[in-house]
C-alpha atoms as a PDB file:
ATOM      1  CA  MET A   1       0.050  -0.224  -0.038  1.00  0.00           C
ATOM      2  CA  LEU A   2       1.390   3.505  -1.258  1.00  0.00           C
ATOM      3  CA  ARG A   3       0.320   6.434   1.142  1.00  0.00           C
ATOM      4  CA  LEU A   4       0.541   9.623  -0.425  1.00  0.00           C
ATOM      5  CA  ASN A   5       1.720  11.962   2.243  1.00  0.00           C
ATOM      6  CA  PHE A   6       0.593  15.303   0.264  1.00  0.00           C
ATOM      7  CA  ALA A   7      -2.251  14.335  -0.894  1.00  0.00           C
ATOM      8  CA  MET A   8      -3.099  12.922   2.779  1.00  0.00           C
ATOM      9  CA  ALA A   9      -2.086  15.908   3.998  1.00  0.00           C
ATOM     10  CA  ALA A  10      -4.282  17.612   1.942  1.00  0.00           C
ATOM     11  CA  MET A  11      -7.159  15.513   2.888  1.00  0.00           C
ATOM     12  CA  SER A  12      -6.396  16.323   6.274  1.00  0.00           C
ATOM     13  CA  SER A  13      -6.723  19.936   5.576  1.00  0.00           C
ATOM     14  CA  LEU A  14     -10.193  19.504   4.187  1.00  0.00           C
ATOM     15  CA  PHE A  15     -11.583  17.582   7.094  1.00  0.00           C
ATOM     16  CA  LEU A  16      -9.932  20.505   9.439  1.00  0.00           C
ATOM     17  CA  SER A  17     -11.712  22.888   6.685  1.00  0.00           C
ATOM     18  CA  SER A  18     -14.931  21.595   6.515  1.00  0.00           C
ATOM     19  CA  ALA A  19     -15.137  22.645  10.627  1.00  0.00           C
ATOM     20  CA  SER A  20     -13.445  25.496  12.435  1.00  0.00           C
ATOM     21  CA  HIS A  21      -9.584  23.991  13.864  1.00  0.00           C
ATOM     22  CA  ALA A  22     -11.294  24.377  17.170  1.00  0.00           C
ATOM     23  CA  ASP A  23     -14.254  21.531  16.646  1.00  0.00           C
ATOM     24  CA  VAL A  24     -11.542  18.979  14.803  1.00  0.00           C
ATOM     25  CA  ALA A  25      -8.934  18.234  16.597  1.00  0.00           C
ATOM     26  CA  VAL A  26      -5.859  16.156  15.691  1.00  0.00           C
ATOM     27  CA  TRP A  27      -5.350  13.300  18.322  1.00  0.00           C
ATOM     28  CA  LYS A  28      -2.479  11.802  16.749  1.00  0.00           C
ATOM     29  CA  GLU A  29      -0.732  12.163  12.966  1.00  0.00           C
ATOM     30  CA  ASN A  30       0.634   9.475  10.713  1.00  0.00           C
ATOM     31  CA  VAL A  31      -0.214   5.866  13.252  1.00  0.00           C
ATOM     32  CA  GLY A  32       0.816   3.480  10.876  1.00  0.00           C
ATOM     33  CA  GLY A  33       0.070   5.820   8.087  1.00  0.00           C
ATOM     34  CA  TRP A  34      -3.376   6.414   9.895  1.00  0.00           C
ATOM     35  CA  ASP A  35      -3.947  10.175  11.132  1.00  0.00           C
ATOM     36  CA  ILE A  36      -6.259  10.067  14.262  1.00  0.00           C
ATOM     37  CA  PHE A  37      -8.723  13.386  14.800  1.00  0.00           C
ATOM     38  CA  VAL A  38     -11.797  14.208  17.575  1.00  0.00           C
ATOM     39  CA  ASP A  39     -14.615  16.249  16.104  1.00  0.00           C
ATOM     40  CA  ARG A  40     -15.853  18.058  18.332  1.00  0.00           C
ATOM     41  CA  THR A  41     -19.240  18.745  16.404  1.00  0.00           C
ATOM     42  CA  VAL A  42     -20.197  15.360  16.702  1.00  0.00           C
ATOM     43  CA  ASP A  43     -20.040  14.720  20.429  1.00  0.00           C
ATOM     44  CA  ASP A  44     -16.245  14.103  20.684  1.00  0.00           C
ATOM     45  CA  ALA A  45     -16.279  11.065  18.051  1.00  0.00           C
ATOM     46  CA  CYS A  46     -12.741   9.605  17.342  1.00  0.00           C
ATOM     47  CA  PHE A  47     -12.335   9.330  13.641  1.00  0.00           C
ATOM     48  CA  MET A  48      -9.079   7.868  11.649  1.00  0.00           C
ATOM     49  CA  ILE A  49      -8.271   8.963   8.235  1.00  0.00           C
ATOM     50  CA  GLY A  50      -6.567   6.872   5.408  1.00  0.00           C
ATOM     51  CA  LEU A  51      -5.791   8.139   1.949  1.00  0.00           C
ATOM     52  CA  PHE A  52      -5.046   5.789  -1.030  1.00  0.00           C
ATOM     53  CA  GLU A  53      -2.676   5.544  -4.135  1.00  0.00           C
ATOM     54  CA  SER A  54      -6.333   5.226  -5.909  1.00  0.00           C
ATOM     55  CA  GLY A  55      -7.439   8.767  -4.539  1.00  0.00           C
ATOM     56  CA  THR A  56     -10.089   6.401  -1.921  1.00  0.00           C
ATOM     57  CA  PHE A  57     -10.228   7.308   1.225  1.00  0.00           C
ATOM     58  CA  ILE A  58     -11.571   5.428   4.261  1.00  0.00           C
ATOM     59  CA  ARG A  59     -12.711   7.420   7.385  1.00  0.00           C
ATOM     60  CA  LEU A  60     -13.551   4.768  10.649  1.00  0.00           C
ATOM     61  CA  GLN A  61     -15.490   6.901  13.033  1.00  0.00           C
ATOM     62  CA  VAL A  62     -16.463   5.632  16.634  1.00  0.00           C
ATOM     63  CA  GLU A  63     -20.181   7.302  17.547  1.00  0.00           C
ATOM     64  CA  MET A  64     -20.519   9.081  20.915  1.00  0.00           C
ATOM     65  CA  ALA A  65     -24.051   9.648  20.472  1.00  0.00           C
ATOM     66  CA  ALA A  66     -25.796   6.746  18.706  1.00  0.00           C
ATOM     67  CA  PRO A  67     -23.187   3.582  20.194  1.00  0.00           C
ATOM     68  CA  GLY A  68     -21.459   2.500  17.078  1.00  0.00           C
ATOM     69  CA  ILE A  69     -18.967   3.238  14.551  1.00  0.00           C
ATOM     70  CA  THR A  70     -19.679   4.753  10.952  1.00  0.00           C
ATOM     71  CA  PHE A  71     -17.577   3.289   7.698  1.00  0.00           C
ATOM     72  CA  TYR A  72     -16.934   6.249   5.218  1.00  0.00           C
ATOM     73  CA  ILE A  73     -15.535   5.162   1.809  1.00  0.00           C
ATOM     74  CA  GLY A  74     -15.091   8.185  -0.845  1.00  0.00           C
ATOM     75  CA  ASN A  75     -13.431   9.420  -3.734  1.00  0.00           C
ATOM     76  CA  GLU A  76     -13.387  12.587  -5.367  1.00  0.00           C
ATOM     77  CA  GLU A  77     -14.085  10.757  -9.005  1.00  0.00           C
ATOM     78  CA  TRP A  78     -17.569   9.372  -7.123  1.00  0.00           C
ATOM     79  CA  GLN A  79     -19.554  12.534  -8.117  1.00  0.00           C
ATOM     80  CA  SER A  80     -23.264  11.146  -8.140  1.00  0.00           C
ATOM     81  CA  ILE A  81     -23.196  10.105  -4.888  1.00  0.00           C
ATOM     82  CA  GLU A  82     -25.931  12.335  -3.629  1.00  0.00           C
ATOM     83  CA  HIS A  83     -26.104  13.371  -0.329  1.00  0.00           C
ATOM     84  CA  GLY A  84     -28.731  11.199   2.153  1.00  0.00           C
ATOM     85  CA  LYS A  85     -29.136   8.778  -0.781  1.00  0.00           C
ATOM     86  CA  ALA A  86     -29.003   5.466   0.341  1.00  0.00           C
ATOM     87  CA  TYR A  87     -26.732   3.028  -1.293  1.00  0.00           C
ATOM     88  CA  ASP A  88     -26.813  -1.229  -1.188  1.00  0.00           C
ATOM     89  CA  MET A  89     -22.856  -1.745  -0.315  1.00  0.00           C
ATOM     90  CA  SER A  90     -20.985  -4.333   1.356  1.00  0.00           C
ATOM     91  CA  VAL A  91     -17.468  -3.991   2.956  1.00  0.00           C
ATOM     92  CA  GLN A  92     -15.663  -7.580   2.957  1.00  0.00           C
ATOM     93  CA  PHE A  93     -12.604  -8.187   5.431  1.00  0.00           C
ATOM     94  CA  GLY A  94     -10.167 -10.007   4.099  1.00  0.00           C
ATOM     95  CA  SER A  95     -12.076 -13.607   3.295  1.00  0.00           C
ATOM     96  CA  ARG A  96     -14.556 -13.037   6.290  1.00  0.00           C
ATOM     97  CA  THR A  97     -18.219 -12.975   5.681  1.00  0.00           C
ATOM     98  CA  PRO A  98     -19.074  -9.408   4.080  1.00  0.00           C
ATOM     99  CA  TRP A  99     -20.790  -6.830   6.490  1.00  0.00           C
ATOM    100  CA  THR A 100     -23.938  -5.738   3.811  1.00  0.00           C
ATOM    101  CA  GLY A 101     -26.172  -2.697   4.495  1.00  0.00           C
ATOM    102  CA  GLU A 102     -27.318   0.547   3.824  1.00  0.00           C
ATOM    103  CA  ALA A 103     -24.563   3.319   3.309  1.00  0.00           C
ATOM    104  CA  TYR A 104     -25.820   6.864   2.888  1.00  0.00           C
ATOM    105  CA  GLY A 105     -24.142   9.374   0.706  1.00  0.00           C
ATOM    106  CA  PHE A 106     -22.326  12.189   2.544  1.00  0.00           C
ATOM    107  CA  LEU A 107     -20.113  15.221   1.362  1.00  0.00           C
ATOM    108  CA  TRP A 108     -17.261  16.717   2.938  1.00  0.00           C
ATOM    109  CA  ASP A 109     -17.244  19.861   1.449  1.00  0.00           C
ATOM    110  CA  GLY A 110     -18.262  19.007  -1.752  1.00  0.00           C
ATOM    111  CA  LEU A 111     -16.096  15.545  -1.522  1.00  0.00           C
ATOM    112  CA  PRO A 112     -18.651  12.596  -1.856  1.00  0.00           C
ATOM    113  CA  SER A 113     -18.011   9.450  -0.112  1.00  0.00           C
ATOM    114  CA  THR A 114     -20.651   6.858   1.697  1.00  0.00           C
ATOM    115  CA  GLY A 115     -21.185   6.110   5.467  1.00  0.00           C
ATOM    116  CA  MET A 116     -22.435   2.794   6.732  1.00  0.00           C
ATOM    117  CA  PHE A 117     -23.246   2.748  10.268  1.00  0.00           C
ATOM    118  CA  VAL A 118     -22.409  -0.516  12.442  1.00  0.00           C
ATOM    119  CA  SER A 119     -24.366  -0.619  15.850  1.00  0.00           C
ATOM    120  CA  PHE A 120     -22.333  -1.502  19.429  1.00  0.00           C
ATOM    121  CA  ALA A 121     -25.705  -3.789  19.968  1.00  0.00           C
ATOM    122  CA  ASN A 122     -24.536  -7.384  19.950  1.00  0.00           C
ATOM    123  CA  GLY A 123     -21.282  -6.772  19.426  1.00  0.00           C
ATOM    124  CA  ARG A 124     -21.562  -5.959  16.131  1.00  0.00           C
ATOM    125  CA  ALA A 125     -19.307  -3.033  16.047  1.00  0.00           C
ATOM    126  CA  ASP A 126     -16.291  -4.737  18.256  1.00  0.00           C
ATOM    127  CA  ARG A 127     -16.507  -7.418  15.622  1.00  0.00           C
ATOM    128  CA  PHE A 128     -16.435  -5.137  12.381  1.00  0.00           C
ATOM    129  CA  LEU A 129     -13.766  -3.623  14.607  1.00  0.00           C
ATOM    130  CA  GLU A 130     -11.575  -6.206  15.143  1.00  0.00           C
ATOM    131  CA  GLU A 131     -12.011  -7.249  11.443  1.00  0.00           C
ATOM    132  CA  PHE A 132     -11.091  -4.322  10.175  1.00  0.00           C
ATOM    133  CA  ARG A 133      -7.770  -4.138  12.534  1.00  0.00           C
ATOM    134  CA  ARG A 134      -6.700  -7.415  12.041  1.00  0.00           C
ATOM    135  CA  MET A 135      -7.714  -8.428   8.677  1.00  0.00           C
ATOM    136  CA  PRO A 136      -4.786  -7.475   5.444  1.00  0.00           C
ATOM    137  CA  GLY A 137      -7.573  -5.665   3.033  1.00  0.00           C
ATOM    138  CA  VAL A 138     -11.003  -4.571   2.653  1.00  0.00           C
ATOM    139  CA  ARG A 139     -12.857  -4.985  -0.531  1.00  0.00           C
ATOM    140  CA  VAL A 140     -16.393  -2.824  -0.830  1.00  0.00           C
ATOM    141  CA  ARG A 141     -18.631  -3.514  -3.117  1.00  0.00           C
ATOM    142  CA  TYR A 142     -21.762  -1.862  -4.675  1.00  0.00           C
ATOM    143  CA  GLN A 143     -24.379  -3.533  -6.920  1.00  0.00           C
ATOM    144  CA  GLY A 144     -22.158  -6.886  -6.949  1.00  0.00           C
ATOM    145  CA  SER A 145     -19.399  -4.439  -8.175  1.00  0.00           C
ATOM    146  CA  GLN A 146     -16.008  -4.372  -6.793  1.00  0.00           C
ATOM    147  CA  ILE A 147     -15.704  -0.247  -6.118  1.00  0.00           C
ATOM    148  CA  ALA A 148     -12.283  -0.703  -3.754  1.00  0.00           C
ATOM    149  CA  SER A 149      -9.816  -2.914  -3.230  1.00  0.00           C
ATOM    150  CA  ILE A 150      -7.649  -1.539  -0.185  1.00  0.00           C
ATOM    151  CA  SER A 151      -4.546  -2.886   1.766  1.00  0.00           C
ATOM    152  CA  LEU A 152      -5.053  -2.034   5.684  1.00  0.00           C
ATOM    153  CA  ARG A 153      -1.346  -2.192   6.464  1.00  0.00           C
ATOM    154  CA  GLY A 154      -0.891  -0.335   9.245  1.00  0.00           C
ATOM    155  CA  SER A 155      -4.669  -0.528  10.675  1.00  0.00           C
ATOM    156  CA  PHE A 156      -3.868  -2.719  13.947  1.00  0.00           C
ATOM    157  CA  GLN A 157      -2.170   0.003  15.782  1.00  0.00           C
ATOM    158  CA  ALA A 158      -4.175   2.655  14.329  1.00  0.00           C
ATOM    159  CA  VAL A 159      -7.168   1.262  16.035  1.00  0.00           C
ATOM    160  CA  GLY A 160      -5.578   0.730  19.086  1.00  0.00           C
ATOM    161  CA  GLU A 161      -4.763   4.306  18.493  1.00  0.00           C
ATOM    162  CA  LEU A 162      -8.381   4.801  18.166  1.00  0.00           C
ATOM    163  CA  TYR A 163      -9.254   3.084  21.116  1.00  0.00           C
ATOM    164  CA  ASP A 164      -7.022   5.253  23.115  1.00  0.00           C
ATOM    165  CA  CYS A 165      -9.054   8.651  21.785  1.00  0.00           C
ATOM    166  CA  VAL A 166     -12.449   6.558  22.848  1.00  0.00           C
ATOM    167  CA  GLY A 167     -11.367   6.248  26.522  1.00  0.00           C
ATOM    168  CA  GLU A 168     -10.006   9.591  26.869  1.00  0.00           C
ATOM    169  CA  MET A 169     -13.023  10.858  25.367  1.00  0.00           C
ATOM    170  CA  LEU A 170     -15.021   8.828  27.356  1.00  0.00           C
ATOM    171  CA  LEU A 171     -13.001  10.169  30.828  1.00  0.00           C
ATOM    172  CA  ALA A 172     -13.445  13.437  30.375  1.00  0.00           C
ATOM    173  CA  ARG A 173     -17.347  13.412  29.771  1.00  0.00           C
ATOM    174  CA  GLU A 174     -17.163  11.098  33.612  1.00  0.00           C
ATOM    175  CA  ASN A 175     -14.836  14.315  34.495  1.00  0.00           C
ATOM    176  CA  ALA A 176     -17.438  17.075  33.228  1.00  0.00           C
ATOM    177  CA  ALA A 177     -20.161  15.210  34.328  1.00  0.00           C
ATOM    178  CA  THR A 178     -19.123  15.179  38.266  1.00  0.00           C
ATOM    179  CA  ASP A 179     -17.753  19.005  37.482  1.00  0.00           C
ATOM    180  CA  PRO A 180     -20.698  21.574  37.853  1.00  0.00           C
ATOM    181  CA  PHE A 181     -18.230  24.313  36.333  1.00  0.00           C
ATOM    182  CA  SER A 182     -16.780  22.000  33.057  1.00  0.00           C
ATOM    183  CA  GLU A 183     -17.487  24.235  30.299  1.00  0.00           C
ATOM    184  CA  ARG A 184     -18.934  20.504  28.633  1.00  0.00           C
ATOM    185  CA  THR A 185     -22.362  19.451  28.703  1.00  0.00           C
ATOM    186  CA  PRO A 186     -22.614  17.356  31.907  1.00  0.00           C
ATOM    187  CA  ILE A 187     -23.785  13.766  31.390  1.00  0.00           C
ATOM    188  CA  SER A 188     -25.153  12.944  34.769  1.00  0.00           C
ATOM    189  CA  ASN A 189     -27.489  15.142  36.592  1.00  0.00           C
ATOM    190  CA  ASP A 190     -26.471  18.457  36.857  1.00  0.00           C
ATOM    191  CA  PRO A 191     -28.763  20.702  38.987  1.00  0.00           C
ATOM    192  CA  PHE A 192     -27.085  23.803  37.084  1.00  0.00           C
ATOM    193  CA  ARG A 193     -28.088  22.513  34.058  1.00  0.00           C
END
């Protein structure tokens, strides 16, 4: 797998420019070729992003508000993707059983992508993350045709860092919940809310 450092920097800039720099923060750069961020606009969601030689990017995001993960895949050439439209897709790690379901069109400052949500219910998102982390590659299909085949080199280390990010965000929530003077919205019963 060849990573394009210049393109990765441009992609990172895109994801930072779609929200203010205060809203999206770098957690750690170049972890096995992936960058880890915290998106303050979606309840401090941690995500990792990688850009690949074909111009395809993957953003794997742990959702804090709706417990689960969203697997985004996009490419500048996929201009026919419509924001909010449902697309039947499958995501297969190595030779494992494919994950199938609806992925919804999403535009990052005009950059087209689709996002497939996987809930933590019944351990589904945990299994998805483990396959993402441990399998050597991922193949994505739309309407039965393969649209991407990507090496996941470095993903084991990057998902580990993603877990660390989520752990810190959860700890920060707990601390905010017990501190009545915290600037963050508390999660527990705060009499001054």
